[in-house]
Amino acid sequence: SVKGRFTISRENAKNTVYLQMDSLKPEDTALY
């Protein structure tokens, strides 16, 4: 459902993981 629109990445130096969400759709509405 998100392939090609979302990108996951991590920055261990900041102890953080990211989720870049592009081309968002109403059906992406949720608690993440």
PDB file of all heavy atoms in Angstrom:
ATOM      1  N   SER A   1       0.803  -1.220   0.000  1.00  0.00           N
ATOM      2  CA  SER A   1       0.000   0.000   0.000  1.00  0.00           C
ATOM      3  C   SER A   1       0.839   1.275   0.000  1.00  0.00           C
ATOM      4  O   SER A   1       0.333   2.347  -0.354  1.00  0.00           O
ATOM      5  CB  SER A   1      -0.954  -0.004   1.192  1.00  0.00           C
ATOM      6  OG  SER A   1      -0.226  -0.057   2.401  1.00  0.00           O
ATOM      7  N   VAL A   2       2.104   1.198   0.395  1.00  0.00           N
ATOM      8  CA  VAL A   2       2.933   2.399   0.463  1.00  0.00           C
ATOM      9  C   VAL A   2       4.172   2.320  -0.424  1.00  0.00           C
ATOM     10  O   VAL A   2       4.909   3.304  -0.545  1.00  0.00           O
ATOM     11  CB  VAL A   2       3.366   2.709   1.913  1.00  0.00           C
ATOM     12  CG1 VAL A   2       2.156   2.757   2.837  1.00  0.00           C
ATOM     13  CG2 VAL A   2       4.390   1.704   2.422  1.00  0.00           C
ATOM     14  N   LYS A   3       4.402   1.182  -1.022  1.00  0.00           N
ATOM     15  CA  LYS A   3       5.608   0.994  -1.838  1.00  0.00           C
ATOM     16  C   LYS A   3       5.671   2.030  -2.952  1.00  0.00           C
ATOM     17  O   LYS A   3       4.681   2.284  -3.636  1.00  0.00           O
ATOM     18  CB  LYS A   3       5.608  -0.417  -2.423  1.00  0.00           C
ATOM     19  CG  LYS A   3       6.952  -0.907  -2.912  1.00  0.00           C
ATOM     20  CD  LYS A   3       6.870  -2.380  -3.301  1.00  0.00           C
ATOM     21  CE  LYS A   3       6.561  -3.269  -2.122  1.00  0.00           C
ATOM     22  NZ  LYS A   3       6.523  -4.695  -2.477  1.00  0.00           N
ATOM     23  N   GLY A   4       6.820   2.654  -3.096  1.00  0.00           N
ATOM     24  CA  GLY A   4       6.990   3.680  -4.111  1.00  0.00           C
ATOM     25  C   GLY A   4       6.632   5.078  -3.643  1.00  0.00           C
ATOM     26  O   GLY A   4       6.936   6.061  -4.326  1.00  0.00           O
ATOM     27  N   ARG A   5       5.988   5.186  -2.483  1.00  0.00           N
ATOM     28  CA  ARG A   5       5.594   6.494  -1.950  1.00  0.00           C
ATOM     29  C   ARG A   5       6.293   6.815  -0.633  1.00  0.00           C
ATOM     30  O   ARG A   5       6.543   7.989  -0.347  1.00  0.00           O
ATOM     31  CB  ARG A   5       4.081   6.547  -1.737  1.00  0.00           C
ATOM     32  CG  ARG A   5       3.277   6.328  -2.995  1.00  0.00           C
ATOM     33  CD  ARG A   5       1.781   6.570  -2.747  1.00  0.00           C
ATOM     34  NE  ARG A   5       1.208   5.635  -1.775  1.00  0.00           N
ATOM     35  CZ  ARG A   5       0.632   6.008  -0.628  1.00  0.00           C
ATOM     36  NH1 ARG A   5       0.537   7.287  -0.317  1.00  0.00           N
ATOM     37  NH2 ARG A   5       0.131   5.101   0.202  1.00  0.00           N
ATOM     38  N   PHE A   6       6.585   5.804   0.158  1.00  0.00           N
ATOM     39  CA  PHE A   6       7.221   5.998   1.462  1.00  0.00           C
ATOM     40  C   PHE A   6       8.666   5.508   1.405  1.00  0.00           C
ATOM     41  O   PHE A   6       8.974   4.555   0.686  1.00  0.00           O
ATOM     42  CB  PHE A   6       6.490   5.212   2.546  1.00  0.00           C
ATOM     43  CG  PHE A   6       5.121   5.728   2.907  1.00  0.00           C
ATOM     44  CD1 PHE A   6       4.463   6.682   2.143  1.00  0.00           C
ATOM     45  CD2 PHE A   6       4.482   5.243   4.043  1.00  0.00           C
ATOM     46  CE1 PHE A   6       3.200   7.138   2.483  1.00  0.00           C
ATOM     47  CE2 PHE A   6       3.227   5.697   4.409  1.00  0.00           C
ATOM     48  CZ  PHE A   6       2.578   6.638   3.619  1.00  0.00           C
ATOM     49  N   THR A   7       9.523   6.159   2.190  1.00  0.00           N
ATOM     50  CA  THR A   7      10.920   5.755   2.284  1.00  0.00           C
ATOM     51  C   THR A   7      11.340   5.725   3.744  1.00  0.00           C
ATOM     52  O   THR A   7      11.200   6.724   4.460  1.00  0.00           O
ATOM     53  CB  THR A   7      11.832   6.728   1.518  1.00  0.00           C
ATOM     54  OG1 THR A   7      11.394   6.827   0.156  1.00  0.00           O
ATOM     55  CG2 THR A   7      13.273   6.232   1.545  1.00  0.00           C
ATOM     56  N   ILE A   8      11.852   4.585   4.168  1.00  0.00           N
ATOM     57  CA  ILE A   8      12.339   4.448   5.539  1.00  0.00           C
ATOM     58  C   ILE A   8      13.853   4.616   5.540  1.00  0.00           C
ATOM     59  O   ILE A   8      14.551   4.196   4.604  1.00  0.00           O
ATOM     60  CB  ILE A   8      11.920   3.081   6.135  1.00  0.00           C
ATOM     61  CG1 ILE A   8      12.159   3.047   7.643  1.00  0.00           C
ATOM     62  CG2 ILE A   8      12.630   1.930   5.433  1.00  0.00           C
ATOM     63  CD1 ILE A   8      11.542   1.815   8.324  1.00  0.00           C
ATOM     64  N   SER A   9      14.362   5.254   6.582  1.00  0.00           N
ATOM     65  CA  SER A   9      15.806   5.435   6.709  1.00  0.00           C
ATOM     66  C   SER A   9      16.142   5.547   8.193  1.00  0.00           C
ATOM     67  O   SER A   9      15.248   5.676   9.031  1.00  0.00           O
ATOM     68  CB  SER A   9      16.270   6.686   5.956  1.00  0.00           C
ATOM     69  OG  SER A   9      15.668   7.852   6.503  1.00  0.00           O
ATOM     70  N   ARG A  10      17.428   5.488   8.480  1.00  0.00           N
ATOM     71  CA  ARG A  10      17.847   5.617   9.865  1.00  0.00           C
ATOM     72  C   ARG A  10      19.142   6.393   9.956  1.00  0.00           C
ATOM     73  O   ARG A  10      19.962   6.372   9.025  1.00  0.00           O
ATOM     74  CB  ARG A  10      17.993   4.243  10.523  1.00  0.00           C
ATOM     75  CG  ARG A  10      19.065   3.344   9.949  1.00  0.00           C
ATOM     76  CD  ARG A  10      18.922   1.914  10.497  1.00  0.00           C
ATOM     77  NE  ARG A  10      18.999   1.898  11.954  1.00  0.00           N
ATOM     78  CZ  ARG A  10      18.466   0.927  12.714  1.00  0.00           C
ATOM     79  NH1 ARG A  10      17.820  -0.066  12.156  1.00  0.00           N
ATOM     80  NH2 ARG A  10      18.597   0.972  14.026  1.00  0.00           N
ATOM     81  N   GLU A  11      19.294   7.075  11.043  1.00  0.00           N
ATOM     82  CA  GLU A  11      20.494   7.846  11.326  1.00  0.00           C
ATOM     83  C   GLU A  11      20.946   7.449  12.726  1.00  0.00           C
ATOM     84  O   GLU A  11      20.514   8.030  13.727  1.00  0.00           O
ATOM     85  CB  GLU A  11      20.205   9.343  11.234  1.00  0.00           C
ATOM     86  CG  GLU A  11      21.442  10.202  11.233  1.00  0.00           C
ATOM     87  CD  GLU A  11      21.132  11.654  10.890  1.00  0.00           C
ATOM     88  OE1 GLU A  11      19.962  11.988  10.621  1.00  0.00           O
ATOM     89  OE2 GLU A  11      22.077  12.468  10.900  1.00  0.00           O
ATOM     90  N   ASN A  12      21.802   6.445  12.774  1.00  0.00           N
ATOM     91  CA  ASN A  12      22.192   5.885  14.067  1.00  0.00           C
ATOM     92  C   ASN A  12      22.903   6.904  14.954  1.00  0.00           C
ATOM     93  O   ASN A  12      22.792   6.840  16.182  1.00  0.00           O
ATOM     94  CB  ASN A  12      23.054   4.647  13.867  1.00  0.00           C
ATOM     95  CG  ASN A  12      22.232   3.452  13.391  1.00  0.00           C
ATOM     96  OD1 ASN A  12      21.010   3.423  13.521  1.00  0.00           O
ATOM     97  ND2 ASN A  12      22.911   2.474  12.823  1.00  0.00           N
ATOM     98  N   ALA A  13      23.600   7.843  14.354  1.00  0.00           N
ATOM     99  CA  ALA A  13      24.284   8.864  15.142  1.00  0.00           C
ATOM    100  C   ALA A  13      23.294   9.708  15.944  1.00  0.00           C
ATOM    101  O   ALA A  13      23.631  10.263  16.995  1.00  0.00           O
ATOM    102  CB  ALA A  13      25.121   9.755  14.237  1.00  0.00           C
ATOM    103  N   LYS A  14      22.078   9.805  15.425  1.00  0.00           N
ATOM    104  CA  LYS A  14      21.022  10.558  16.122  1.00  0.00           C
ATOM    105  C   LYS A  14      20.030   9.628  16.811  1.00  0.00           C
ATOM    106  O   LYS A  14      19.028  10.088  17.361  1.00  0.00           O
ATOM    107  CB  LYS A  14      20.282  11.467  15.139  1.00  0.00           C
ATOM    108  CG  LYS A  14      21.138  12.591  14.590  1.00  0.00           C
ATOM    109  CD  LYS A  14      20.309  13.575  13.785  1.00  0.00           C
ATOM    110  CE  LYS A  14      21.158  14.746  13.329  1.00  0.00           C
ATOM    111  NZ  LYS A  14      20.362  15.752  12.575  1.00  0.00           N
ATOM    112  N   ASN A  15      20.323   8.310  16.747  1.00  0.00           N
ATOM    113  CA  ASN A  15      19.449   7.336  17.400  1.00  0.00           C
ATOM    114  C   ASN A  15      18.002   7.482  16.939  1.00  0.00           C
ATOM    115  O   ASN A  15      17.058   7.398  17.742  1.00  0.00           O
ATOM    116  CB  ASN A  15      19.534   7.499  18.924  1.00  0.00           C
ATOM    117  CG  ASN A  15      19.431   6.185  19.660  1.00  0.00           C
ATOM    118  OD1 ASN A  15      19.696   5.115  19.099  1.00  0.00           O
ATOM    119  ND2 ASN A  15      19.042   6.245  20.921  1.00  0.00           N
ATOM    120  N   THR A  16      17.849   7.689  15.636  1.00  0.00           N
ATOM    121  CA  THR A  16      16.541   8.024  15.077  1.00  0.00           C
ATOM    122  C   THR A  16      16.301   7.277  13.770  1.00  0.00           C
ATOM    123  O   THR A  16      17.229   7.064  12.984  1.00  0.00           O
ATOM    124  CB  THR A  16      16.448   9.543  14.828  1.00  0.00           C
ATOM    125  OG1 THR A  16      16.648  10.240  16.064  1.00  0.00           O
ATOM    126  CG2 THR A  16      15.082   9.923  14.277  1.00  0.00           C
ATOM    127  N   VAL A  17      15.053   6.905  13.572  1.00  0.00           N
ATOM    128  CA  VAL A  17      14.604   6.302  12.321  1.00  0.00           C
ATOM    129  C   VAL A  17      13.531   7.210  11.736  1.00  0.00           C
ATOM    130  O   VAL A  17      12.719   7.781  12.471  1.00  0.00           O
ATOM    131  CB  VAL A  17      14.059   4.882  12.553  1.00  0.00           C
ATOM    132  CG1 VAL A  17      13.451   4.307  11.277  1.00  0.00           C
ATOM    133  CG2 VAL A  17      15.169   3.980  13.063  1.00  0.00           C
ATOM    134  N   TYR A  18      13.520   7.319  10.416  1.00  0.00           N
ATOM    135  CA  TYR A  18      12.601   8.222   9.731  1.00  0.00           C
ATOM    136  C   TYR A  18      11.680   7.452   8.796  1.00  0.00           C
ATOM    137  O   TYR A  18      12.011   6.373   8.305  1.00  0.00           O
ATOM    138  CB  TYR A  18      13.381   9.259   8.920  1.00  0.00           C
ATOM    139  CG  TYR A  18      14.374  10.042   9.730  1.00  0.00           C
ATOM    140  CD1 TYR A  18      15.726   9.714   9.705  1.00  0.00           C
ATOM    141  CD2 TYR A  18      13.967  11.115  10.516  1.00  0.00           C
ATOM    142  CE1 TYR A  18      16.650  10.434  10.456  1.00  0.00           C
ATOM    143  CE2 TYR A  18      14.886  11.836  11.266  1.00  0.00           C
ATOM    144  CZ  TYR A  18      16.221  11.491  11.229  1.00  0.00           C
ATOM    145  OH  TYR A  18      17.127  12.202  11.965  1.00  0.00           O
ATOM    146  N   LEU A  19      10.536   8.077   8.529  1.00  0.00           N
ATOM    147  CA  LEU A  19       9.636   7.577   7.496  1.00  0.00           C
ATOM    148  C   LEU A  19       9.200   8.766   6.665  1.00  0.00           C
ATOM    149  O   LEU A  19       8.407   9.597   7.116  1.00  0.00           O
ATOM    150  CB  LEU A  19       8.419   6.868   8.094  1.00  0.00           C
ATOM    151  CG  LEU A  19       7.502   6.191   7.080  1.00  0.00           C
ATOM    152  CD1 LEU A  19       8.226   4.994   6.442  1.00  0.00           C
ATOM    153  CD2 LEU A  19       6.199   5.728   7.728  1.00  0.00           C
ATOM    154  N   GLN A  20       9.785   8.886   5.474  1.00  0.00           N
ATOM    155  CA  GLN A  20       9.406   9.944   4.543  1.00  0.00           C
ATOM    156  C   GLN A  20       8.179   9.476   3.773  1.00  0.00           C
ATOM    157  O   GLN A  20       8.222   8.433   3.115  1.00  0.00           O
ATOM    158  CB  GLN A  20      10.558  10.241   3.576  1.00  0.00           C
ATOM    159  CG  GLN A  20      10.216  11.270   2.509  1.00  0.00           C
ATOM    160  CD  GLN A  20       9.998  12.663   3.085  1.00  0.00           C
ATOM    161  OE1 GLN A  20      10.772  13.118   3.924  1.00  0.00           O
ATOM    162  NE2 GLN A  20       8.952  13.340   2.628  1.00  0.00           N
ATOM    163  N   MET A  21       7.115  10.249   3.863  1.00  0.00           N
ATOM    164  CA  MET A  21       5.861   9.877   3.231  1.00  0.00           C
ATOM    165  C   MET A  21       5.505  10.904   2.163  1.00  0.00           C
ATOM    166  O   MET A  21       5.267  12.072   2.493  1.00  0.00           O
ATOM    167  CB  MET A  21       4.751   9.782   4.276  1.00  0.00           C
ATOM    168  CG  MET A  21       5.096   8.874   5.443  1.00  0.00           C
ATOM    169  SD  MET A  21       3.716   8.601   6.573  1.00  0.00           S
ATOM    170  CE  MET A  21       3.434  10.276   7.148  1.00  0.00           C
ATOM    171  N   ASP A  22       5.508  10.487   0.929  1.00  0.00           N
ATOM    172  CA  ASP A  22       5.181  11.363  -0.200  1.00  0.00           C
ATOM    173  C   ASP A  22       3.899  10.879  -0.883  1.00  0.00           C
ATOM    174  O   ASP A  22       3.466   9.746  -0.683  1.00  0.00           O
ATOM    175  CB  ASP A  22       6.335  11.374  -1.207  1.00  0.00           C
ATOM    176  CG  ASP A  22       7.626  11.904  -0.604  1.00  0.00           C
ATOM    177  OD1 ASP A  22       7.565  12.910   0.123  1.00  0.00           O
ATOM    178  OD2 ASP A  22       8.691  11.313  -0.866  1.00  0.00           O
ATOM    179  N   SER A  23       3.341  11.747  -1.700  1.00  0.00           N
ATOM    180  CA  SER A  23       2.112  11.418  -2.441  1.00  0.00           C
ATOM    181  C   SER A  23       1.057  10.831  -1.515  1.00  0.00           C
ATOM    182  O   SER A  23       0.437   9.800  -1.816  1.00  0.00           O
ATOM    183  CB  SER A  23       2.437  10.425  -3.573  1.00  0.00           C
ATOM    184  OG  SER A  23       3.404  10.950  -4.448  1.00  0.00           O
ATOM    185  N   LEU A  24       0.849  11.485  -0.410  1.00  0.00           N
ATOM    186  CA  LEU A  24      -0.080  10.969   0.590  1.00  0.00           C
ATOM    187  C   LEU A  24      -1.508  10.947   0.076  1.00  0.00           C
ATOM    188  O   LEU A  24      -1.928  11.808  -0.706  1.00  0.00           O
ATOM    189  CB  LEU A  24       0.016  11.802   1.866  1.00  0.00           C
ATOM    190  CG  LEU A  24       1.236  11.482   2.732  1.00  0.00           C
ATOM    191  CD1 LEU A  24       1.517  12.612   3.721  1.00  0.00           C
ATOM    192  CD2 LEU A  24       1.041  10.170   3.467  1.00  0.00           C
ATOM    193  N   LYS A  25      -2.235   9.947   0.536  1.00  0.00           N
ATOM    194  CA  LYS A  25      -3.634   9.743   0.143  1.00  0.00           C
ATOM    195  C   LYS A  25      -4.509   9.756   1.391  1.00  0.00           C
ATOM    196  O   LYS A  25      -4.029   9.448   2.492  1.00  0.00           O
ATOM    197  CB  LYS A  25      -3.777   8.389  -0.548  1.00  0.00           C
ATOM    198  CG  LYS A  25      -2.866   8.175  -1.735  1.00  0.00           C
ATOM    199  CD  LYS A  25      -3.008   6.756  -2.263  1.00  0.00           C
ATOM    200  CE  LYS A  25      -2.079   6.498  -3.432  1.00  0.00           C
ATOM    201  NZ  LYS A  25      -2.206   5.107  -3.951  1.00  0.00           N
ATOM    202  N   PRO A  26      -5.771  10.045   1.246  1.00  0.00           N
ATOM    203  CA  PRO A  26      -6.664  10.016   2.421  1.00  0.00           C
ATOM    204  C   PRO A  26      -6.636   8.668   3.148  1.00  0.00           C
ATOM    205  O   PRO A  26      -6.769   8.630   4.375  1.00  0.00           O
ATOM    206  CB  PRO A  26      -8.041  10.296   1.805  1.00  0.00           C
ATOM    207  CG  PRO A  26      -7.740  11.150   0.614  1.00  0.00           C
ATOM    208  CD  PRO A  26      -6.455  10.595   0.053  1.00  0.00           C
ATOM    209  N   GLU A  27      -6.435   7.597   2.422  1.00  0.00           N
ATOM    210  CA  GLU A  27      -6.401   6.279   3.059  1.00  0.00           C
ATOM    211  C   GLU A  27      -5.131   6.039   3.869  1.00  0.00           C
ATOM    212  O   GLU A  27      -5.010   5.026   4.553  1.00  0.00           O
ATOM    213  CB  GLU A  27      -6.579   5.157   2.019  1.00  0.00           C
ATOM    214  CG  GLU A  27      -5.653   5.251   0.829  1.00  0.00           C
ATOM    215  CD  GLU A  27      -6.318   5.921  -0.368  1.00  0.00           C
ATOM    216  OE1 GLU A  27      -7.005   6.963  -0.179  1.00  0.00           O
ATOM    217  OE2 GLU A  27      -6.143   5.409  -1.499  1.00  0.00           O
ATOM    218  N   ASP A  28      -4.187   6.974   3.826  1.00  0.00           N
ATOM    219  CA  ASP A  28      -3.009   6.894   4.692  1.00  0.00           C
ATOM    220  C   ASP A  28      -3.300   7.454   6.082  1.00  0.00           C
ATOM    221  O   ASP A  28      -2.444   7.361   6.970  1.00  0.00           O
ATOM    222  CB  ASP A  28      -1.830   7.654   4.077  1.00  0.00           C
ATOM    223  CG  ASP A  28      -1.333   7.035   2.790  1.00  0.00           C
ATOM    224  OD1 ASP A  28      -1.231   5.794   2.721  1.00  0.00           O
ATOM    225  OD2 ASP A  28      -1.030   7.797   1.845  1.00  0.00           O
ATOM    226  N   THR A  29      -4.445   8.042   6.264  1.00  0.00           N
ATOM    227  CA  THR A  29      -4.816   8.603   7.565  1.00  0.00           C
ATOM    228  C   THR A  29      -4.832   7.515   8.629  1.00  0.00           C
ATOM    229  O   THR A  29      -5.518   6.500   8.482  1.00  0.00           O
ATOM    230  CB  THR A  29      -6.193   9.277   7.487  1.00  0.00           C
ATOM    231  OG1 THR A  29      -6.110  10.404   6.601  1.00  0.00           O
ATOM    232  CG2 THR A  29      -6.651   9.747   8.865  1.00  0.00           C
ATOM    233  N   ALA A  30      -4.062   7.720   9.693  1.00  0.00           N
ATOM    234  CA  ALA A  30      -3.942   6.717  10.752  1.00  0.00           C
ATOM    235  C   ALA A  30      -3.034   7.247  11.853  1.00  0.00           C
ATOM    236  O   ALA A  30      -2.375   8.280  11.692  1.00  0.00           O
ATOM    237  CB  ALA A  30      -3.364   5.419  10.199  1.00  0.00           C
ATOM    238  N   LEU A  31      -3.000   6.503  12.934  1.00  0.00           N
ATOM    239  CA  LEU A  31      -2.008   6.728  13.983  1.00  0.00           C
ATOM    240  C   LEU A  31      -0.795   5.873  13.634  1.00  0.00           C
ATOM    241  O   LEU A  31      -0.933   4.661  13.437  1.00  0.00           O
ATOM    242  CB  LEU A  31      -2.582   6.343  15.337  1.00  0.00           C
ATOM    243  CG  LEU A  31      -1.774   6.702  16.576  1.00  0.00           C
ATOM    244  CD1 LEU A  31      -1.570   8.208  16.686  1.00  0.00           C
ATOM    245  CD2 LEU A  31      -2.465   6.175  17.828  1.00  0.00           C
ATOM    246  N   TYR A  32       0.345   6.509  13.514  1.00  0.00           N
ATOM    247  CA  TYR A  32       1.568   5.822  13.093  1.00  0.00           C
ATOM    248  C   TYR A  32       2.467   5.559  14.307  1.00  0.00           C
ATOM    249  O   TYR A  32       2.728   6.463  15.110  1.00  0.00           O
ATOM    250  CB  TYR A  32       2.318   6.659  12.065  1.00  0.00           C
ATOM    251  CG  TYR A  32       1.713   6.596  10.693  1.00  0.00           C
ATOM    252  CD1 TYR A  32       0.499   7.218  10.419  1.00  0.00           C
ATOM    253  CD2 TYR A  32       2.327   5.892   9.660  1.00  0.00           C
ATOM    254  CE1 TYR A  32      -0.088   7.145   9.168  1.00  0.00           C
ATOM    255  CE2 TYR A  32       1.759   5.814   8.400  1.00  0.00           C
ATOM    256  CZ  TYR A  32       0.551   6.441   8.161  1.00  0.00           C
ATOM    257  OH  TYR A  32      -0.028   6.358   6.906  1.00  0.00           O
TER     258      TYR A  32
END
